[in-house]
Structures are given as C-alpha cells and as structure tokens.
Amino acid sequence: MSSLEFEIEERTFTAELHEDKAPESVAAMREFLPLESELMHVRWSGHATWINIDEIELPELPRENHTVYPSYGDILLYPGYRNEQEILVPCGSTCFKSPAGELAGNHVATLDADREELREMEQETLRTGMKEVVIRLEE
C-alpha cells in the first residue's frame, strides 16, 4: 500500500491513498507528484484549505468516491468539471463549493492527523495566509 506525504512548512502528515475506491484519480495524482505549491484557506467551503492545480494537465477523470461533504482530513481531487482544478484538504465542517455552486470532489486519500492539528492548520492559513506545501508519493 502506498501513501502520500504532505509537508506543510514545519509539519509533515501522511495520507493513506484510496486506490481501490478512486483508482483513476489516484493514478492521475501519481503522474504529477511530487507537487510543490501553496496551501491556502478556502473562500466558499467552510473550514478547509486547498491547493490550486489548474496548471496541471489532468486526464478526463470520472466521478469516483466523490463527495460534497468531506470529513476531517479527507483529501479530494477535483478535476475541474465546473470550476478550477484543485486539491481540497478539509479541516472541519466543509461543504465543497464555489461561485458555481456545490462541487463533488473525488476522495483520493485520508490524512493521518487529529482534528486539533487540522483545525490549527486551517486557522493559521486564515490568519497568516498561504503556506508552502510539498506532496510526495511514499511507497
């Protein structure tokens, strides 16, 4: 089983990949990792952070293991059906949406982090702005 490593400034989290539930989405992520980007606070979705991946050429992906209401630490890959492409990292109550309305992202992984760690990370991005993030595949 493989996992992801999320390095967010001084913190490192691992995330279990859901290859059995979202195989095409996980395969697409494998193609563009490692990713160096910025984690920022969401504007529309509640208590969450996100990474813009609009510059990445994703294949056409089906909806698989998709949700509008992810739980704490559920990593969603959104391939841009109605809005920009992104990776959503929920840190509390989240309803995934944009100016285009509710969005359903593919649940590709789950972070191994407790609610307090996630809440703290979300609050830091709200107070101080973007954080550098690196996502790597761990085999």
N, C-alpha and C. Protein backbone atom coordinates (compact mmCIF):
# COMPACT_ATOMS: atom_id res chain seq x y z
N MET A 1 0.84 -1.17 0.00
CA MET A 1 0.00 0.00 0.00
C MET A 1 0.89 1.24 0.00
N SER A 2 0.53 2.22 -0.78
CA SER A 2 1.30 3.45 -0.82
C SER A 2 0.51 4.57 -0.15
N SER A 3 1.24 5.63 0.18
CA SER A 3 0.61 6.77 0.84
C SER A 3 1.23 8.06 0.32
N LEU A 4 0.66 9.15 0.73
CA LEU A 4 1.17 10.46 0.39
C LEU A 4 1.82 11.07 1.62
N GLU A 5 2.79 11.93 1.37
CA GLU A 5 3.39 12.72 2.45
C GLU A 5 3.08 14.18 2.14
N PHE A 6 2.46 14.86 3.07
CA PHE A 6 2.17 16.28 2.96
C PHE A 6 3.12 17.02 3.89
N GLU A 7 4.02 17.80 3.32
CA GLU A 7 4.92 18.62 4.11
C GLU A 7 4.40 20.05 4.02
N ILE A 8 3.89 20.54 5.14
CA ILE A 8 3.31 21.88 5.19
C ILE A 8 4.14 22.69 6.17
N GLU A 9 5.06 23.46 5.60
CA GLU A 9 6.06 24.20 6.36
C GLU A 9 6.74 23.25 7.34
N GLU A 10 6.59 23.44 8.64
CA GLU A 10 7.34 22.61 9.59
C GLU A 10 6.64 21.31 9.96
N ARG A 11 5.45 21.07 9.46
CA ARG A 11 4.70 19.85 9.79
C ARG A 11 4.72 18.87 8.63
N THR A 12 4.70 17.59 8.98
CA THR A 12 4.61 16.53 7.98
C THR A 12 3.48 15.60 8.38
N PHE A 13 2.58 15.35 7.43
CA PHE A 13 1.46 14.43 7.62
C PHE A 13 1.55 13.34 6.57
N THR A 14 1.02 12.18 6.88
CA THR A 14 0.88 11.13 5.87
C THR A 14 -0.60 10.97 5.56
N ALA A 15 -0.89 10.44 4.40
CA ALA A 15 -2.27 10.21 3.99
C ALA A 15 -2.35 8.88 3.28
N GLU A 16 -3.28 8.06 3.71
CA GLU A 16 -3.50 6.76 3.08
C GLU A 16 -4.23 6.98 1.76
N LEU A 17 -3.67 6.45 0.68
CA LEU A 17 -4.31 6.54 -0.62
C LEU A 17 -5.47 5.54 -0.73
N HIS A 18 -6.53 5.92 -1.41
CA HIS A 18 -7.69 5.05 -1.60
C HIS A 18 -7.72 4.56 -3.05
N GLU A 19 -6.71 3.76 -3.37
CA GLU A 19 -6.56 3.25 -4.73
C GLU A 19 -7.72 2.35 -5.15
N ASP A 20 -8.31 1.65 -4.21
CA ASP A 20 -9.43 0.76 -4.53
C ASP A 20 -10.73 1.52 -4.78
N LYS A 21 -10.89 2.70 -4.17
CA LYS A 21 -12.13 3.47 -4.30
C LYS A 21 -12.06 4.55 -5.38
N ALA A 22 -10.85 5.02 -5.69
CA ALA A 22 -10.68 6.08 -6.70
C ALA A 22 -9.45 5.78 -7.56
N PRO A 23 -9.45 4.65 -8.25
CA PRO A 23 -8.23 4.21 -8.96
C PRO A 23 -7.75 5.16 -10.05
N GLU A 24 -8.64 5.73 -10.84
CA GLU A 24 -8.20 6.62 -11.92
C GLU A 24 -7.69 7.95 -11.37
N SER A 25 -8.32 8.44 -10.34
CA SER A 25 -7.88 9.70 -9.72
C SER A 25 -6.52 9.53 -9.04
N VAL A 26 -6.33 8.41 -8.34
CA VAL A 26 -5.04 8.14 -7.69
C VAL A 26 -3.96 7.99 -8.76
N ALA A 27 -4.26 7.30 -9.84
CA ALA A 27 -3.29 7.14 -10.94
C ALA A 27 -2.91 8.50 -11.52
N ALA A 28 -3.88 9.40 -11.68
CA ALA A 28 -3.60 10.74 -12.20
C ALA A 28 -2.69 11.51 -11.24
N MET A 29 -2.93 11.37 -9.94
CA MET A 29 -2.07 12.05 -8.95
C MET A 29 -0.63 11.53 -9.01
N ARG A 30 -0.50 10.22 -9.17
CA ARG A 30 0.84 9.63 -9.28
C ARG A 30 1.64 10.26 -10.41
N GLU A 31 0.97 10.64 -11.48
CA GLU A 31 1.63 11.22 -12.65
C GLU A 31 2.18 12.62 -12.38
N PHE A 32 1.52 13.42 -11.55
CA PHE A 32 2.00 14.79 -11.34
C PHE A 32 2.76 15.00 -10.03
N LEU A 33 2.86 13.97 -9.20
CA LEU A 33 3.63 14.12 -7.95
C LEU A 33 5.11 13.88 -8.20
N PRO A 34 6.01 14.50 -7.49
CA PRO A 34 5.78 15.42 -6.37
C PRO A 34 5.27 16.78 -6.85
N LEU A 35 4.57 17.45 -5.94
CA LEU A 35 3.99 18.75 -6.22
C LEU A 35 4.47 19.74 -5.17
N GLU A 36 5.03 20.84 -5.62
CA GLU A 36 5.39 21.96 -4.72
C GLU A 36 4.43 23.08 -5.03
N SER A 37 3.71 23.56 -4.01
CA SER A 37 2.70 24.57 -4.27
C SER A 37 2.43 25.36 -2.99
N GLU A 38 1.25 25.97 -2.95
CA GLU A 38 0.83 26.74 -1.79
C GLU A 38 -0.53 26.26 -1.32
N LEU A 39 -0.64 26.11 0.00
CA LEU A 39 -1.88 25.73 0.64
C LEU A 39 -2.54 27.01 1.11
N MET A 40 -3.79 27.22 0.76
CA MET A 40 -4.48 28.44 1.16
C MET A 40 -5.84 28.14 1.73
N HIS A 41 -6.40 29.11 2.42
CA HIS A 41 -7.72 28.95 3.02
C HIS A 41 -8.79 29.04 1.94
N VAL A 42 -9.84 28.26 2.09
CA VAL A 42 -10.95 28.30 1.14
C VAL A 42 -11.76 29.57 1.35
N ARG A 43 -12.51 29.95 0.35
CA ARG A 43 -13.39 31.10 0.50
C ARG A 43 -14.85 30.68 0.62
N TRP A 44 -15.21 29.56 0.04
CA TRP A 44 -16.62 29.20 -0.07
C TRP A 44 -17.01 27.95 0.72
N SER A 45 -16.06 27.12 1.09
CA SER A 45 -16.39 25.76 1.55
C SER A 45 -16.43 25.54 3.04
N GLY A 46 -16.15 26.53 3.86
CA GLY A 46 -16.18 26.32 5.31
C GLY A 46 -14.79 26.23 5.89
N HIS A 47 -14.56 25.23 6.73
CA HIS A 47 -13.28 25.06 7.42
C HIS A 47 -12.40 24.09 6.63
N ALA A 48 -11.68 24.64 5.67
CA ALA A 48 -10.85 23.80 4.79
C ALA A 48 -9.74 24.64 4.18
N THR A 49 -8.79 23.94 3.58
CA THR A 49 -7.72 24.57 2.82
C THR A 49 -7.67 23.91 1.45
N TRP A 50 -6.96 24.53 0.51
CA TRP A 50 -6.92 23.97 -0.83
C TRP A 50 -5.64 24.33 -1.53
N ILE A 51 -5.35 23.58 -2.59
CA ILE A 51 -4.17 23.78 -3.43
C ILE A 51 -4.67 23.89 -4.86
N ASN A 52 -4.35 24.99 -5.51
CA ASN A 52 -4.75 25.19 -6.90
C ASN A 52 -3.82 24.35 -7.79
N ILE A 53 -4.42 23.52 -8.63
CA ILE A 53 -3.62 22.69 -9.56
C ILE A 53 -4.09 22.91 -11.00
N ASP A 54 -4.59 24.10 -11.29
CA ASP A 54 -5.09 24.40 -12.63
C ASP A 54 -4.02 24.27 -13.71
N GLU A 55 -2.76 24.45 -13.35
CA GLU A 55 -1.68 24.38 -14.35
C GLU A 55 -1.31 22.95 -14.72
N ILE A 56 -1.86 21.98 -14.02
CA ILE A 56 -1.54 20.57 -14.28
C ILE A 56 -2.52 20.01 -15.32
N GLU A 57 -1.99 19.33 -16.30
CA GLU A 57 -2.81 18.69 -17.33
C GLU A 57 -3.31 17.35 -16.80
N LEU A 58 -4.57 17.32 -16.39
CA LEU A 58 -5.16 16.08 -15.89
C LEU A 58 -5.90 15.38 -17.01
N PRO A 59 -5.92 14.05 -16.98
CA PRO A 59 -6.75 13.34 -17.95
C PRO A 59 -8.22 13.55 -17.58
N GLU A 60 -9.11 13.19 -18.46
CA GLU A 60 -10.54 13.26 -18.12
C GLU A 60 -10.81 12.19 -17.07
N LEU A 61 -11.27 12.62 -15.91
CA LEU A 61 -11.49 11.69 -14.80
C LEU A 61 -12.98 11.54 -14.52
N PRO A 62 -13.40 10.32 -14.21
CA PRO A 62 -14.80 10.11 -13.84
C PRO A 62 -15.01 10.54 -12.39
N ARG A 63 -16.25 10.67 -12.02
CA ARG A 63 -16.55 10.88 -10.60
C ARG A 63 -16.38 9.51 -9.94
N GLU A 64 -15.49 9.45 -8.97
CA GLU A 64 -15.29 8.18 -8.26
C GLU A 64 -15.03 8.49 -6.79
N ASN A 65 -15.79 7.81 -5.94
CA ASN A 65 -15.69 8.02 -4.49
C ASN A 65 -15.86 9.51 -4.18
N HIS A 66 -16.77 10.15 -4.89
CA HIS A 66 -16.92 11.61 -4.81
C HIS A 66 -17.87 12.03 -3.68
N THR A 67 -17.63 13.24 -3.18
CA THR A 67 -18.46 13.79 -2.12
C THR A 67 -18.47 15.31 -2.16
N VAL A 68 -19.55 15.88 -1.68
CA VAL A 68 -19.68 17.32 -1.49
C VAL A 68 -19.38 17.66 -0.03
N TYR A 69 -19.59 16.69 0.86
CA TYR A 69 -19.43 16.89 2.30
C TYR A 69 -18.32 16.01 2.86
N PRO A 70 -17.07 16.36 2.61
CA PRO A 70 -15.96 15.55 3.12
C PRO A 70 -15.81 15.71 4.63
N SER A 71 -15.19 14.73 5.23
CA SER A 71 -14.90 14.75 6.67
C SER A 71 -13.49 15.29 6.90
N TYR A 72 -13.15 15.48 8.15
CA TYR A 72 -11.82 15.94 8.54
C TYR A 72 -10.74 15.12 7.86
N GLY A 73 -9.84 15.77 7.15
CA GLY A 73 -8.69 15.10 6.56
C GLY A 73 -8.95 14.32 5.29
N ASP A 74 -10.17 14.32 4.77
CA ASP A 74 -10.45 13.64 3.51
C ASP A 74 -9.87 14.48 2.37
N ILE A 75 -8.90 13.94 1.67
CA ILE A 75 -8.26 14.67 0.57
C ILE A 75 -9.10 14.44 -0.70
N LEU A 76 -9.57 15.56 -1.29
CA LEU A 76 -10.36 15.47 -2.51
C LEU A 76 -9.55 16.00 -3.68
N LEU A 77 -9.61 15.28 -4.78
CA LEU A 77 -9.06 15.75 -6.05
C LEU A 77 -10.25 16.20 -6.88
N TYR A 78 -10.24 17.46 -7.26
CA TYR A 78 -11.31 17.99 -8.09
C TYR A 78 -10.74 18.30 -9.46
N PRO A 79 -11.15 17.55 -10.50
CA PRO A 79 -10.55 17.71 -11.83
C PRO A 79 -11.12 18.84 -12.67
N GLY A 80 -11.91 19.72 -12.08
CA GLY A 80 -12.34 20.91 -12.80
C GLY A 80 -13.56 20.74 -13.67
N TYR A 81 -14.52 19.95 -13.24
CA TYR A 81 -15.73 19.77 -14.04
C TYR A 81 -16.45 21.11 -14.27
N ARG A 82 -16.59 21.94 -13.21
CA ARG A 82 -17.32 23.21 -13.31
C ARG A 82 -16.52 24.39 -12.75
N ASN A 83 -15.34 24.16 -12.28
CA ASN A 83 -14.54 25.20 -11.64
C ASN A 83 -13.08 24.83 -11.83
N GLU A 84 -12.17 25.60 -11.23
CA GLU A 84 -10.76 25.29 -11.40
C GLU A 84 -10.38 23.99 -10.71
N GLN A 85 -9.32 23.36 -11.22
CA GLN A 85 -8.82 22.10 -10.64
C GLN A 85 -8.19 22.40 -9.29
N GLU A 86 -8.38 21.48 -8.34
CA GLU A 86 -7.80 21.70 -7.03
C GLU A 86 -7.71 20.42 -6.22
N ILE A 87 -6.93 20.53 -5.15
CA ILE A 87 -6.89 19.50 -4.11
C ILE A 87 -7.46 20.17 -2.88
N LEU A 88 -8.52 19.61 -2.31
CA LEU A 88 -9.18 20.16 -1.13
C LEU A 88 -8.74 19.37 0.09
N VAL A 89 -8.40 20.10 1.16
CA VAL A 89 -8.00 19.49 2.43
C VAL A 89 -8.95 19.99 3.53
N PRO A 90 -10.03 19.27 3.82
CA PRO A 90 -10.98 19.69 4.85
C PRO A 90 -10.38 19.60 6.25
N CYS A 91 -10.66 20.62 7.05
CA CYS A 91 -10.10 20.70 8.41
C CYS A 91 -11.19 20.84 9.46
N GLY A 92 -12.42 20.74 9.07
CA GLY A 92 -13.58 20.90 9.95
C GLY A 92 -14.82 20.76 9.10
N SER A 93 -15.91 21.38 9.53
CA SER A 93 -17.15 21.32 8.77
C SER A 93 -16.95 21.91 7.38
N THR A 94 -17.19 21.11 6.36
CA THR A 94 -16.94 21.53 4.98
C THR A 94 -18.08 21.10 4.08
N CYS A 95 -18.51 22.03 3.26
CA CYS A 95 -19.41 21.74 2.13
C CYS A 95 -18.66 22.28 0.92
N PHE A 96 -18.14 21.40 0.09
CA PHE A 96 -17.29 21.79 -1.03
C PHE A 96 -18.10 22.56 -2.05
N LYS A 97 -17.77 23.85 -2.24
CA LYS A 97 -18.50 24.66 -3.20
C LYS A 97 -17.66 25.81 -3.72
N SER A 98 -18.22 26.49 -4.71
CA SER A 98 -17.56 27.62 -5.37
C SER A 98 -18.66 28.58 -5.82
N PRO A 99 -18.29 29.65 -6.50
CA PRO A 99 -19.33 30.52 -7.05
C PRO A 99 -20.25 29.76 -8.03
N ALA A 100 -19.76 28.65 -8.56
CA ALA A 100 -20.57 27.83 -9.48
C ALA A 100 -21.56 26.93 -8.75
N GLY A 101 -21.51 26.90 -7.41
CA GLY A 101 -22.40 26.06 -6.61
C GLY A 101 -21.63 24.93 -5.95
N GLU A 102 -22.35 23.94 -5.46
CA GLU A 102 -21.73 22.80 -4.80
C GLU A 102 -20.92 21.98 -5.81
N LEU A 103 -19.77 21.48 -5.34
CA LEU A 103 -18.88 20.68 -6.17
C LEU A 103 -18.68 19.32 -5.49
N ALA A 104 -18.50 18.28 -6.26
CA ALA A 104 -18.20 16.95 -5.72
C ALA A 104 -16.79 16.59 -6.15
N GLY A 105 -15.92 16.41 -5.17
CA GLY A 105 -14.54 16.02 -5.45
C GLY A 105 -14.34 14.55 -5.20
N ASN A 106 -13.34 13.98 -5.86
CA ASN A 106 -13.01 12.57 -5.70
C ASN A 106 -12.15 12.37 -4.46
N HIS A 107 -12.66 11.59 -3.50
CA HIS A 107 -11.96 11.32 -2.25
C HIS A 107 -10.84 10.31 -2.53
N VAL A 108 -9.59 10.83 -2.61
CA VAL A 108 -8.45 10.01 -3.03
C VAL A 108 -7.57 9.53 -1.89
N ALA A 109 -7.65 10.20 -0.73
CA ALA A 109 -6.77 9.85 0.39
C ALA A 109 -7.35 10.43 1.68
N THR A 110 -6.85 9.94 2.81
CA THR A 110 -7.25 10.48 4.11
C THR A 110 -6.01 10.76 4.94
N LEU A 111 -5.90 12.02 5.41
CA LEU A 111 -4.75 12.43 6.23
C LEU A 111 -4.78 11.76 7.58
N ASP A 112 -3.61 11.36 8.05
CA ASP A 112 -3.45 10.82 9.40
C ASP A 112 -3.12 12.01 10.31
N ALA A 113 -4.15 12.74 10.70
CA ALA A 113 -3.98 13.91 11.57
C ALA A 113 -5.21 14.02 12.45
N ASP A 114 -5.03 14.49 13.67
CA ASP A 114 -6.20 14.64 14.52
C ASP A 114 -6.90 15.96 14.23
N ARG A 115 -8.11 16.05 14.72
CA ARG A 115 -8.95 17.22 14.43
C ARG A 115 -8.29 18.52 14.88
N GLU A 116 -7.63 18.50 16.01
CA GLU A 116 -7.00 19.72 16.53
C GLU A 116 -5.86 20.19 15.62
N GLU A 117 -5.05 19.25 15.12
CA GLU A 117 -3.97 19.61 14.18
C GLU A 117 -4.53 20.25 12.92
N LEU A 118 -5.60 19.65 12.39
CA LEU A 118 -6.21 20.17 11.18
C LEU A 118 -6.84 21.54 11.42
N ARG A 119 -7.52 21.68 12.52
CA ARG A 119 -8.16 22.96 12.86
C ARG A 119 -7.10 24.06 13.01
N GLU A 120 -5.99 23.73 13.65
CA GLU A 120 -4.90 24.70 13.83
C GLU A 120 -4.32 25.12 12.47
N MET A 121 -4.10 24.15 11.58
CA MET A 121 -3.57 24.45 10.26
C MET A 121 -4.54 25.36 9.49
N GLU A 122 -5.82 25.05 9.54
CA GLU A 122 -6.83 25.87 8.85
C GLU A 122 -6.84 27.29 9.41
N GLN A 123 -6.78 27.41 10.72
CA GLN A 123 -6.80 28.74 11.35
C GLN A 123 -5.55 29.55 11.01
N GLU A 124 -4.41 28.88 10.91
CA GLU A 124 -3.17 29.58 10.52
C GLU A 124 -3.28 30.14 9.11
N THR A 125 -3.85 29.37 8.18
CA THR A 125 -3.99 29.88 6.81
C THR A 125 -4.99 31.03 6.77
N LEU A 126 -5.97 31.01 7.64
CA LEU A 126 -6.95 32.09 7.70
C LEU A 126 -6.31 33.37 8.25
N ARG A 127 -5.50 33.23 9.30
CA ARG A 127 -4.87 34.39 9.96
C ARG A 127 -3.66 34.93 9.21
N THR A 128 -2.79 34.03 8.74
CA THR A 128 -1.50 34.49 8.21
C THR A 128 -1.32 34.27 6.71
N GLY A 129 -2.26 33.61 6.07
CA GLY A 129 -2.18 33.44 4.62
C GLY A 129 -1.61 32.09 4.20
N MET A 130 -1.14 32.06 2.95
CA MET A 130 -0.71 30.81 2.32
C MET A 130 0.50 30.18 3.02
N LYS A 131 0.54 28.85 2.96
CA LYS A 131 1.64 28.06 3.48
C LYS A 131 2.25 27.26 2.34
N GLU A 132 3.56 27.13 2.34
CA GLU A 132 4.21 26.27 1.35
C GLU A 132 3.88 24.82 1.65
N VAL A 133 3.62 24.06 0.58
CA VAL A 133 3.28 22.65 0.73
C VAL A 133 4.00 21.84 -0.34
N VAL A 134 4.44 20.66 0.07
CA VAL A 134 5.01 19.70 -0.86
C VAL A 134 4.26 18.39 -0.63
N ILE A 135 3.79 17.79 -1.72
CA ILE A 135 3.11 16.50 -1.64
C ILE A 135 3.96 15.50 -2.41
N ARG A 136 4.32 14.41 -1.74
CA ARG A 136 5.14 13.35 -2.34
C ARG A 136 4.44 12.01 -2.19
N LEU A 137 4.77 11.13 -3.09
CA LEU A 137 4.29 9.76 -3.01
C LEU A 137 5.27 8.98 -2.15
N GLU A 138 4.74 8.20 -1.20
CA GLU A 138 5.56 7.33 -0.36
C GLU A 138 5.17 5.89 -0.69
N GLU A 139 6.15 5.09 -1.10
CA GLU A 139 5.87 3.69 -1.44
C GLU A 139 6.19 2.78 -0.27
